[in-house]
Protein backbone atom coordinates (compact mmCIF):
# COMPACT_ATOMS: atom_id res chain seq x y z
CA MET A 1 122.60 105.65 107.63
CA TRP A 2 120.07 104.78 110.66
CA LEU A 3 116.30 105.31 109.49
CA ALA A 4 113.14 105.41 111.62
CA GLY A 5 109.68 104.77 110.09
CA CYS A 6 107.13 104.04 112.79
CA ALA A 7 104.98 101.95 110.03
CA THR A 8 103.30 99.78 113.10
CA GLU A 9 101.05 102.28 114.59
CA VAL A 10 98.36 104.45 112.53
CA LEU A 11 97.73 107.51 114.46
CA GLY A 12 94.87 109.26 114.23
CA PRO A 13 91.34 110.07 116.16
CA PRO A 14 88.01 108.46 115.35
CA PRO A 15 87.17 110.64 112.19
CA ALA A 16 85.69 113.80 113.33
CA ARG A 17 84.05 116.02 111.05
CA ARG A 18 84.95 119.30 111.73
CA LYS A 19 85.34 122.21 109.17
CA LEU A 20 88.34 121.02 106.84
CA ASP A 21 89.06 124.29 105.45
CA ALA A 22 89.72 125.82 108.90
CA VAL A 23 92.43 123.30 109.19
CA HIS A 24 95.79 124.87 108.35
CA LEU A 25 99.31 123.93 108.96
CA ASP A 26 101.67 126.32 111.27
CA SER A 27 105.16 125.63 110.59
CA ALA A 28 106.36 128.31 113.14
CA GLU A 29 104.19 126.57 115.58
CA ALA A 30 105.78 123.25 115.14
CA LEU A 31 108.74 124.38 115.11
CA ALA A 32 108.62 126.33 118.55
CA TRP A 33 106.48 123.10 119.83
CA LEU A 34 109.10 120.60 118.76
CA ASN A 35 112.29 122.82 119.91
CA THR A 36 110.50 123.52 123.58
CA TYR A 37 109.94 119.79 123.90
CA ARG A 38 113.42 118.92 122.54
CA ALA A 39 114.88 121.42 125.23
CA LYS A 40 112.68 119.74 128.08
CA SER A 41 114.54 116.39 127.08
CA GLY A 42 117.96 117.94 127.26
CA LEU A 43 118.13 118.07 123.33
CA GLY A 44 119.03 120.73 121.11
CA PRO A 45 117.17 122.73 118.72
CA VAL A 46 116.06 121.69 115.01
CA GLN A 47 115.62 124.27 112.34
CA LEU A 48 113.14 124.17 109.16
CA ASP A 49 114.99 122.57 106.54
CA PRO A 50 113.15 123.15 102.86
CA ALA A 51 114.26 119.73 101.32
CA LEU A 52 112.58 117.85 104.58
CA THR A 53 109.61 120.05 104.25
CA ALA A 54 109.17 119.06 100.60
CA LEU A 55 109.85 115.46 101.37
CA ALA A 56 107.10 115.49 104.27
CA GLN A 57 104.72 117.08 101.95
CA ALA A 58 105.00 114.92 99.01
CA GLN A 59 104.28 111.82 101.60
CA ALA A 60 101.51 114.28 103.11
CA ASP A 61 100.01 114.67 99.64
CA ALA A 62 100.39 111.05 98.89
CA MET A 63 98.49 109.71 101.85
CA ALA A 64 95.72 112.18 101.04
CA ALA A 65 95.40 111.35 97.44
CA GLN A 66 95.41 107.56 98.35
CA ASP A 67 93.39 108.07 101.77
CA LYS A 68 95.85 105.92 103.42
CA VAL A 69 97.93 106.68 106.37
CA SER A 70 101.27 104.80 105.61
CA HIS A 71 105.16 105.18 105.41
CA ASP A 72 105.28 103.68 101.60
CA VAL A 73 102.35 105.40 99.95
CA LYS A 74 105.24 106.50 97.48
CA GLY A 75 107.97 104.30 98.48
CA SER A 76 109.88 103.13 101.53
CA PHE A 77 111.21 106.26 103.59
CA GLU A 78 114.65 105.27 102.49
CA TYR A 79 114.01 105.40 98.75
CA ARG A 80 111.98 108.69 99.33
CA LEU A 81 114.78 110.19 101.08
CA ALA A 82 117.39 109.27 98.63
CA ALA A 83 115.53 109.96 95.68
CA SER A 84 115.06 113.59 97.12
CA GLY A 85 118.68 113.73 97.23
CA VAL A 86 118.20 114.50 101.08
CA ARG A 87 121.44 112.91 102.72
CA ALA A 88 121.70 112.58 106.71
CA GLY A 89 123.24 110.18 109.28
CA GLU A 90 120.23 109.46 111.16
CA ALA A 91 116.67 110.17 109.65
CA GLY A 92 113.00 109.51 111.13
CA GLU A 93 109.37 109.86 109.68
CA ASN A 94 106.28 110.42 111.34
CA VAL A 95 102.61 110.43 109.70
CA CYS A 96 99.12 110.51 111.13
CA ALA A 97 96.08 111.62 109.73
CA GLY A 98 92.71 113.06 111.40
CA TYR A 99 93.98 116.03 113.29
CA PHE A 100 92.56 119.32 112.83
CA SER A 101 95.35 121.37 114.27
CA THR A 102 99.27 121.54 114.26
CA ALA A 103 99.53 121.27 118.03
CA ASP A 104 97.14 117.97 118.08
CA ALA A 105 99.33 116.29 115.60
CA MET A 106 102.63 117.00 116.99
CA GLN A 107 101.11 115.90 120.63
CA ALA A 108 99.94 112.62 119.09
CA TRP A 109 103.26 111.99 117.73
CA ARG A 110 104.47 113.09 121.10
CA ALA A 111 102.04 110.63 122.95
CA SER A 112 103.20 107.77 120.86
CA PRO A 113 106.18 106.32 121.98
CA GLU A 114 107.16 105.14 118.64
CA HIS A 115 106.76 108.44 117.21
CA ASP A 116 108.53 110.24 120.20
CA VAL A 117 111.69 108.31 119.63
CA ASN A 118 111.85 110.66 116.37
CA LEU A 119 111.03 113.89 117.92
CA ARG A 120 113.82 113.40 120.45
CA MET A 121 116.24 112.13 117.90
CA ARG A 122 119.29 113.44 119.58
CA SER A 123 121.72 114.21 116.47
CA ALA A 124 118.52 115.91 114.99
CA THR A 125 118.92 119.73 113.56
CA ARG A 126 116.71 119.91 110.89
CA PHE A 127 112.70 118.68 110.14
CA GLY A 128 110.13 119.39 107.79
CA VAL A 129 106.26 119.13 108.60
CA ALA A 130 103.22 119.07 106.12
CA LEU A 131 99.55 118.96 105.87
CA ALA A 132 97.46 117.76 102.94
CA LYS A 133 93.63 117.45 102.68
CA ASN A 134 90.94 115.72 101.25
CA PRO A 135 87.65 116.49 101.64
CA ARG A 136 86.15 113.06 100.37
CA SER A 137 88.24 111.20 103.43
CA PRO A 138 86.79 110.47 106.87
CA TRP A 139 90.23 110.97 107.68
CA GLY A 140 90.26 114.91 106.26
CA ALA A 141 93.57 115.95 107.28
CA PHE A 142 96.81 114.30 106.78
CA TRP A 143 100.12 115.16 108.35
CA ALA A 144 104.12 114.16 108.00
CA MET A 145 107.04 115.30 109.28
CA ALA A 146 110.44 114.27 108.67
CA ILE A 147 113.41 115.03 110.86
CA ALA A 148 117.10 114.47 110.30
CA SER A 149 120.90 114.81 111.62
CA PRO A 150 123.32 116.55 109.38
CA ALA A 151 124.66 114.40 106.13
CA PRO A 152 127.69 112.32 106.85
CA PRO A 153 131.19 113.37 105.54
CA ALA A 154 131.57 112.60 101.93
């Protein structure tokens, strides 16, 4: 299994204090944005996947609880993928914090070469995206997404 993580770069603008209660995740917007971007790169579409969404939500929740932008707050991505029962031939995860809209988080990942690799994973067919909030954090909003190819044959 090939895994991508992007742990070397923390994405997030300087903490802007906006109304955190106005921040929300629009999964349909994220899906449309990602599929439009992938199509422009000559790549096939992905679909929202409940298991990857749950994996991303657990990561976003853990980052918000610990006020830390990291791939490893609940264990390595590979460990969390296996523990969740998600099987994939190829999988990646993007995380960021401090963005106050779905579009801003997606664009931040697109603007980062390391994160963009995951967005443009050629074999990907499914993804999940999540948001968690911590009003005591200067980051406020914590985002995570997981993307994967189909499971390999048993």
